[in-house]
């Protein structure tokens, strides 16, 4: 279960980065 949580957190961080980049492009 711990490995899955780590992957989820990494996914969330990646999503935040994408959102930040997309907001900067606007």
N, C-alpha and C. Protein backbone atom coordinates (compact mmCIF):
# COMPACT_ATOMS: atom_id res chain seq x y z
N UNK A 1 0.84 -1.21 0.00
CA UNK A 1 0.00 0.00 0.00
C UNK A 1 0.87 1.26 0.00
N UNK A 2 1.99 1.19 0.69
CA UNK A 2 2.86 2.37 0.77
C UNK A 2 3.34 2.77 -0.62
N UNK A 3 3.71 1.78 -1.43
CA UNK A 3 4.20 2.10 -2.79
C UNK A 3 3.12 2.82 -3.58
N UNK A 4 1.88 2.35 -3.46
CA UNK A 4 0.78 2.99 -4.19
C UNK A 4 0.63 4.44 -3.74
N UNK A 5 0.74 4.68 -2.45
CA UNK A 5 0.60 6.05 -1.94
C UNK A 5 1.70 6.93 -2.52
N UNK A 6 2.92 6.40 -2.57
CA UNK A 6 4.02 7.19 -3.13
C UNK A 6 3.73 7.55 -4.58
N UNK A 7 3.23 6.58 -5.35
CA UNK A 7 2.92 6.85 -6.76
C UNK A 7 1.83 7.90 -6.86
N UNK A 8 0.85 7.83 -5.98
CA UNK A 8 -0.24 8.81 -6.02
C UNK A 8 0.29 10.21 -5.73
N UNK A 9 1.16 10.32 -4.75
CA UNK A 9 1.70 11.64 -4.41
C UNK A 9 2.50 12.17 -5.58
N UNK A 10 3.27 11.31 -6.23
CA UNK A 10 4.05 11.75 -7.39
C UNK A 10 3.11 12.22 -8.50
N UNK A 11 2.02 11.50 -8.69
CA UNK A 11 1.05 11.89 -9.71
C UNK A 11 0.47 13.26 -9.37
N UNK A 12 0.12 13.46 -8.10
CA UNK A 12 -0.45 14.75 -7.69
C UNK A 12 0.55 15.87 -7.95
N UNK A 13 1.83 15.62 -7.61
CA UNK A 13 2.84 16.66 -7.83
C UNK A 13 2.93 16.97 -9.32
N UNK A 14 2.90 15.95 -10.17
CA UNK A 14 2.99 16.16 -11.62
C UNK A 14 1.78 16.97 -12.09
N UNK A 15 0.60 16.65 -11.57
CA UNK A 15 -0.60 17.39 -11.97
C UNK A 15 -0.48 18.86 -11.57
N UNK A 16 0.05 19.11 -10.37
CA UNK A 16 0.20 20.50 -9.93
C UNK A 16 1.14 21.24 -10.87
N UNK A 17 2.23 20.55 -11.26
CA UNK A 17 3.19 21.20 -12.17
C UNK A 17 2.51 21.53 -13.49
N UNK A 18 1.72 20.60 -14.01
CA UNK A 18 1.04 20.83 -15.29
C UNK A 18 0.08 22.01 -15.16
N UNK A 19 -0.66 22.04 -14.05
CA UNK A 19 -1.62 23.14 -13.85
C UNK A 19 -0.88 24.48 -13.78
N UNK A 20 0.26 24.49 -13.08
CA UNK A 20 1.03 25.74 -12.97
C UNK A 20 1.53 26.17 -14.35
N UNK A 21 2.05 25.21 -15.12
CA UNK A 21 2.57 25.54 -16.45
C UNK A 21 1.44 26.06 -17.34
N UNK A 22 0.30 25.38 -17.32
CA UNK A 22 -0.82 25.80 -18.17
C UNK A 22 -1.29 27.19 -17.76
N UNK A 23 -1.30 27.47 -16.47
CA UNK A 23 -1.76 28.80 -16.02
C UNK A 23 -0.77 29.87 -16.47
N UNK A 24 0.52 29.53 -16.51
CA UNK A 24 1.52 30.51 -16.94
C UNK A 24 1.38 30.79 -18.44
N UNK A 25 0.99 29.77 -19.21
CA UNK A 25 0.87 29.96 -20.66
C UNK A 25 -0.29 30.89 -20.99
N UNK A 26 -1.34 30.89 -20.18
CA UNK A 26 -2.51 31.71 -20.49
C UNK A 26 -2.16 33.20 -20.45
